[in-house]
């Protein structure tokens, strides 16, 4: 039976227990008398037409990881998401001179969430993070974020403290998105779409139904926190960028559709199932909706 989890003084039973992942991760068993085992991390950096920014994003991420002495091994999965400029070639050059970097190329864009999901399945190490290829994150933000690897909390969620540098339309949409998600899922997060770090095994258990658009941020946060995983929010700062796709109508519609699907999955899945068979967990008897026993 699931234990009660408390958020904001209100208790509920987690709906989505996370099982131990059966996927292959590079981990070692502790040796008696040995020094504490260091943490490991995989990072995915999706990039679409980011020839001016992707090298900085990769190098700044590597430097930030290297600054944390508690990280023993790492990899960076740099994804050229169907770019039409020189992004792919830049990634290849960096990967050739640094064995920590893996270059992945898409003929057509898989979108930010699709790259995130692919990175999860390719990851070799126990923690997983995403850094946008537009190099929006400040260096001290990356250092602070990767400094949380190996800390007390299982999950690290960044919230932007200088969102005012973004267009007002995006600020308004982000604010409403936070308010609605917090109300609907009984959470108290400051932001949903920021840089984050999760246990890789946790993400793999939910990867199958993960949306390919920007809604994957909220999807991961809602499911993992409702399952009872510990988390820590940290303040981060971003740099101004010349472009954004988050407020395009196509992306807004996709996020709204995925958000509705998540809501149905968590709150309404048992109420609005069509005339299908249900399982009574207390006696494991499968019946039809009219009560007629079939098994």
Protein backbone atom coordinates (compact mmCIF):
# COMPACT_ATOMS: atom_id res chain seq x y z
CA UNK A 1 0.00 0.00 0.00
CA UNK A 2 1.32 3.47 -0.89
CA UNK A 3 2.22 5.70 2.03
CA UNK A 4 0.68 9.14 2.36
CA UNK A 5 2.79 11.95 0.91
CA UNK A 6 2.32 15.53 2.11
CA UNK A 7 2.56 18.63 -0.06
CA UNK A 8 1.67 22.06 1.29
CA UNK A 9 0.12 20.53 4.40
CA UNK A 10 -2.26 18.33 2.38
CA UNK A 11 -1.82 14.59 2.19
CA UNK A 12 -2.61 12.20 -0.61
CA UNK A 13 -1.61 8.76 -1.80
CA UNK A 14 0.87 8.84 -4.69
CA UNK A 15 -0.79 7.57 -7.84
CA UNK A 16 2.32 6.55 -9.73
CA UNK A 17 4.83 4.47 -7.79
CA UNK A 18 8.18 4.45 -9.57
CA UNK A 19 9.72 1.00 -9.93
CA UNK A 20 13.43 0.28 -10.09
CA UNK A 21 14.53 0.56 -13.70
CA UNK A 22 15.63 -2.61 -15.46
CA UNK A 23 17.59 -0.58 -18.03
CA UNK A 24 21.34 -0.89 -18.07
CA UNK A 25 23.07 1.85 -16.14
CA UNK A 26 26.76 1.99 -15.30
CA UNK A 27 26.81 1.57 -11.51
CA UNK A 28 29.21 -0.08 -9.13
CA UNK A 29 28.63 -1.87 -5.85
CA UNK A 30 30.28 -0.16 -2.86
CA UNK A 31 33.43 -1.81 -1.54
CA UNK A 32 33.91 -2.08 2.21
CA UNK A 33 36.49 0.42 3.43
CA UNK A 34 36.63 2.27 0.10
CA UNK A 35 36.10 6.00 -0.31
CA UNK A 36 32.48 7.10 -0.96
CA UNK A 37 31.27 6.28 -4.47
CA UNK A 38 31.06 9.33 -6.70
CA UNK A 39 27.91 10.20 -8.62
CA UNK A 40 27.60 9.99 -12.40
CA UNK A 41 25.53 12.08 -14.78
CA UNK A 42 24.36 12.05 -18.39
CA UNK A 43 23.37 15.33 -20.03
CA UNK A 44 21.39 15.80 -23.24
CA UNK A 45 21.82 19.04 -25.19
CA UNK A 46 19.21 19.37 -27.97
CA UNK A 47 20.07 21.94 -30.64
CA UNK A 48 18.12 23.13 -33.68
CA UNK A 49 19.85 25.72 -35.88
CA UNK A 50 22.13 26.79 -33.03
CA UNK A 51 25.45 27.15 -34.88
CA UNK A 52 26.27 30.30 -32.88
CA UNK A 53 25.40 28.83 -29.49
CA UNK A 54 25.80 25.06 -29.34
CA UNK A 55 29.57 25.02 -28.79
CA UNK A 56 29.23 27.38 -25.83
CA UNK A 57 26.39 25.28 -24.40
CA UNK A 58 28.48 22.09 -24.58
CA UNK A 59 31.69 23.60 -23.25
CA UNK A 60 29.98 25.49 -20.41
CA UNK A 61 28.14 22.33 -19.38
CA UNK A 62 31.34 20.27 -19.38
CA UNK A 63 33.14 22.91 -17.29
CA UNK A 64 30.28 23.06 -14.80
CA UNK A 65 30.27 19.28 -14.38
CA UNK A 66 34.05 19.21 -13.99
CA UNK A 67 33.81 21.76 -11.17
CA UNK A 68 31.84 19.29 -9.00
CA UNK A 69 34.32 16.89 -7.45
CA UNK A 70 31.48 14.60 -6.36
CA UNK A 71 30.85 13.66 -10.00
CA UNK A 72 33.04 10.73 -10.98
CA UNK A 73 31.98 10.22 -14.60
CA UNK A 74 29.81 12.04 -17.11
CA UNK A 75 28.71 12.13 -20.72
CA UNK A 76 27.11 14.78 -22.89
CA UNK A 77 24.70 13.66 -25.61
CA UNK A 78 24.59 16.53 -28.12
CA UNK A 79 21.68 16.18 -30.53
CA UNK A 80 21.50 17.99 -33.85
CA UNK A 81 17.72 18.01 -34.19
CA UNK A 82 17.46 18.27 -37.97
CA UNK A 83 19.29 21.61 -38.19
CA UNK A 84 19.61 23.41 -41.52
CA UNK A 85 22.78 25.30 -40.56
CA UNK A 86 26.24 24.19 -39.34
CA UNK A 87 25.06 22.92 -35.94
CA UNK A 88 25.66 19.27 -36.80
CA UNK A 89 29.19 19.85 -38.06
CA UNK A 90 30.12 21.81 -34.94
CA UNK A 91 28.84 19.02 -32.72
CA UNK A 92 30.85 16.45 -34.69
CA UNK A 93 34.07 18.43 -34.30
CA UNK A 94 33.61 18.71 -30.54
CA UNK A 95 32.80 15.00 -30.24
CA UNK A 96 35.96 14.05 -32.15
CA UNK A 97 38.23 15.80 -29.66
CA UNK A 98 36.36 14.92 -26.46
CA UNK A 99 35.39 11.32 -25.63
CA UNK A 100 32.76 12.56 -23.16
CA UNK A 101 30.70 13.96 -26.04
CA UNK A 102 28.38 11.83 -28.18
CA UNK A 103 26.98 13.35 -31.38
CA UNK A 104 23.47 12.37 -32.52
CA UNK A 105 21.88 13.60 -35.75
CA UNK A 106 18.24 13.72 -36.81
CA UNK A 107 17.17 14.09 -40.43
CA UNK A 108 13.98 15.75 -39.23
CA UNK A 109 13.26 17.57 -35.96
CA UNK A 110 12.04 15.41 -33.09
CA UNK A 111 11.32 18.52 -30.97
CA UNK A 112 12.73 19.33 -27.56
CA UNK A 113 10.76 16.67 -25.69
CA UNK A 114 11.59 14.05 -28.31
CA UNK A 115 15.31 14.74 -27.89
CA UNK A 116 14.92 14.56 -24.12
CA UNK A 117 13.24 11.17 -24.36
CA UNK A 118 15.91 9.86 -26.73
CA UNK A 119 18.62 11.07 -24.38
CA UNK A 120 17.03 9.17 -21.51
CA UNK A 121 17.18 5.93 -23.45
CA UNK A 122 20.79 6.53 -24.52
CA UNK A 123 22.03 7.60 -21.10
CA UNK A 124 24.66 5.41 -19.41
CA UNK A 125 24.79 7.05 -15.99
CA UNK A 126 22.61 7.27 -12.90
CA UNK A 127 21.54 10.94 -13.10
CA UNK A 128 20.08 12.73 -16.11
CA UNK A 129 19.94 16.43 -16.98
CA UNK A 130 18.97 18.60 -19.94
CA UNK A 131 20.65 21.82 -21.06
CA UNK A 132 19.20 23.76 -24.03
CA UNK A 133 21.51 24.15 -27.01
CA UNK A 134 20.80 27.90 -27.21
CA UNK A 135 23.33 28.47 -24.40
CA UNK A 136 20.70 30.38 -22.44
CA UNK A 137 21.99 29.23 -19.05
CA UNK A 138 24.62 31.38 -17.33
CA UNK A 139 27.83 29.65 -16.31
CA UNK A 140 27.24 30.12 -12.59
CA UNK A 141 23.76 28.67 -13.06
CA UNK A 142 25.20 25.52 -14.59
CA UNK A 143 27.81 25.25 -11.82
CA UNK A 144 25.09 25.64 -9.18
CA UNK A 145 22.82 23.10 -10.89
CA UNK A 146 25.40 20.37 -11.36
CA UNK A 147 26.65 21.07 -7.86
CA UNK A 148 23.41 19.40 -6.69
CA UNK A 149 24.40 16.03 -8.19
CA UNK A 150 25.13 13.68 -5.32
CA UNK A 151 23.16 15.85 -2.89
CA UNK A 152 20.37 14.92 -0.50
CA UNK A 153 17.45 15.47 -2.90
CA UNK A 154 16.72 12.97 -5.67
CA UNK A 155 15.50 15.66 -8.06
CA UNK A 156 16.76 19.18 -8.73
CA UNK A 157 14.42 21.72 -10.35
CA UNK A 158 15.61 25.17 -11.40
CA UNK A 159 13.35 28.23 -11.35
CA UNK A 160 14.20 31.38 -13.29
CA UNK A 161 14.74 34.51 -11.18
CA UNK A 162 15.15 36.98 -14.06
CA UNK A 163 12.25 35.98 -16.29
CA UNK A 164 11.64 39.69 -16.93
CA UNK A 165 14.25 39.57 -19.73
CA UNK A 166 11.86 37.43 -21.77
CA UNK A 167 8.94 38.82 -23.82
CA UNK A 168 5.90 39.72 -21.74
CA UNK A 169 3.75 37.24 -23.64
CA UNK A 170 6.03 34.38 -22.57
CA UNK A 171 6.16 35.67 -19.00
CA UNK A 172 2.34 35.65 -18.83
CA UNK A 173 2.02 32.18 -20.36
CA UNK A 174 4.66 30.78 -17.99
CA UNK A 175 2.98 32.33 -14.96
CA UNK A 176 -0.44 30.93 -15.86
CA UNK A 177 1.10 27.53 -16.61
CA UNK A 178 2.65 27.39 -13.13
CA UNK A 179 -0.55 28.52 -11.39
CA UNK A 180 -2.75 26.00 -13.23
CA UNK A 181 -0.39 23.06 -12.73
CA UNK A 182 0.10 23.80 -9.04
CA UNK A 183 -3.65 24.00 -8.49
CA UNK A 184 -4.57 20.94 -10.55
CA UNK A 185 -1.87 18.66 -9.10
CA UNK A 186 -1.72 20.07 -5.56
CA UNK A 187 1.90 21.11 -5.85
CA UNK A 188 3.78 24.28 -4.96
CA UNK A 189 6.52 24.62 -7.57
CA UNK A 190 7.92 27.98 -8.61
CA UNK A 191 8.56 26.91 -12.21
CA UNK A 192 8.09 23.87 -14.43
CA UNK A 193 10.19 24.46 -17.56
CA UNK A 194 13.62 25.05 -16.06
CA UNK A 195 16.88 23.12 -16.10
CA UNK A 196 16.48 19.92 -14.07
CA UNK A 197 18.23 16.77 -12.88
CA UNK A 198 16.47 13.43 -12.26
CA UNK A 199 17.54 9.87 -11.49
CA UNK A 200 17.76 8.20 -14.90
CA UNK A 201 15.86 5.13 -13.66
CA UNK A 202 12.91 7.32 -12.61
CA UNK A 203 12.67 8.91 -16.04
CA UNK A 204 12.90 5.60 -17.87
CA UNK A 205 9.88 4.27 -16.02
CA UNK A 206 7.76 7.13 -17.39
CA UNK A 207 9.43 7.63 -20.77
CA UNK A 208 7.00 5.58 -22.87
CA UNK A 209 4.15 8.12 -22.66
CA UNK A 210 6.33 11.23 -22.34
CA UNK A 211 5.21 14.04 -24.69
CA UNK A 212 7.62 15.26 -27.37
CA UNK A 213 6.78 18.94 -26.83
CA UNK A 214 7.62 21.34 -23.98
CA UNK A 215 5.00 19.67 -21.76
CA UNK A 216 7.55 16.97 -20.90
CA UNK A 217 8.93 19.24 -18.16
CA UNK A 218 5.63 19.29 -16.27
CA UNK A 219 4.97 15.63 -17.10
CA UNK A 220 8.19 14.54 -15.38
CA UNK A 221 7.76 16.85 -12.40
CA UNK A 222 4.14 15.96 -11.71
CA UNK A 223 4.57 12.21 -12.02
CA UNK A 224 7.79 11.99 -10.01
CA UNK A 225 6.70 14.29 -7.18
CA UNK A 226 3.31 12.63 -6.83
CA UNK A 227 5.19 9.34 -6.58
CA UNK A 228 6.94 10.70 -3.48
CA UNK A 229 10.44 11.44 -4.78
CA UNK A 230 12.31 14.13 -2.88
CA UNK A 231 13.17 17.34 -4.70
CA UNK A 232 14.92 20.67 -4.31
CA UNK A 233 14.26 23.91 -6.16
CA UNK A 234 17.20 26.20 -6.88
CA UNK A 235 17.22 29.78 -8.25
CA UNK A 236 18.86 30.16 -11.68
CA UNK A 237 19.49 33.02 -14.09
CA UNK A 238 19.31 32.99 -17.86
CA UNK A 239 20.83 35.08 -20.64
CA UNK A 240 18.78 36.91 -23.27
CA UNK A 241 18.28 34.92 -26.46
CA UNK A 242 17.34 36.20 -29.88
CA UNK A 243 14.70 33.57 -30.61
CA UNK A 244 12.21 31.28 -28.91
CA UNK A 245 9.78 28.66 -30.16
CA UNK A 246 7.96 28.19 -26.86
CA UNK A 247 5.26 30.75 -27.65
CA UNK A 248 4.46 29.61 -31.17
CA UNK A 249 0.81 28.63 -31.55
CA UNK A 250 1.76 25.13 -32.68
CA UNK A 251 3.77 24.56 -29.50
CA UNK A 252 1.13 26.15 -27.27
CA UNK A 253 -1.54 23.88 -28.76
CA UNK A 254 0.71 20.83 -28.33
CA UNK A 255 1.41 21.64 -24.70
CA UNK A 256 -2.29 22.20 -24.01
CA UNK A 257 -3.15 18.85 -25.59
CA UNK A 258 -0.44 17.02 -23.61
CA UNK A 259 -1.49 18.78 -20.40
CA UNK A 260 -5.07 17.61 -20.90
CA UNK A 261 -3.82 14.06 -21.46
CA UNK A 262 -1.81 14.20 -18.23
CA UNK A 263 -4.83 15.54 -16.34
CA UNK A 264 -7.02 12.73 -17.68
CA UNK A 265 -4.37 10.16 -16.81
CA UNK A 266 -4.04 11.29 -13.21
CA UNK A 267 -7.53 12.46 -12.23
CA UNK A 268 -10.07 10.98 -14.63
CA UNK A 269 -8.73 7.72 -16.03
CA UNK A 270 -11.02 5.54 -13.90
CA UNK A 271 -14.13 7.69 -14.36
CA UNK A 272 -14.08 8.07 -18.12
CA UNK A 273 -12.95 4.69 -19.30
CA UNK A 274 -15.37 3.38 -21.94
CA UNK A 275 -17.18 0.10 -21.42
CA UNK A 276 -14.07 -1.91 -20.69
CA UNK A 277 -13.14 -4.38 -18.02
CA UNK A 278 -11.88 -3.11 -14.69
CA UNK A 279 -9.89 -4.85 -12.01
CA UNK A 280 -11.00 -4.89 -8.39
CA UNK A 281 -7.71 -4.73 -6.58
CA UNK A 282 -9.07 -6.00 -3.29
CA UNK A 283 -10.05 -9.44 -4.61
CA UNK A 284 -8.36 -9.48 -8.05
CA UNK A 285 -11.69 -10.32 -9.68
CA UNK A 286 -12.20 -8.92 -13.16
CA UNK A 287 -15.77 -7.84 -13.88
CA UNK A 288 -17.73 -5.97 -16.50
CA UNK A 289 -19.24 -2.60 -15.68
CA UNK A 290 -22.62 -4.24 -15.14
CA UNK A 291 -21.12 -6.46 -12.45
CA UNK A 292 -21.11 -9.68 -14.44
CA UNK A 293 -18.06 -11.73 -13.55
CA UNK A 294 -15.98 -12.91 -16.50
CA UNK A 295 -12.84 -14.29 -14.77
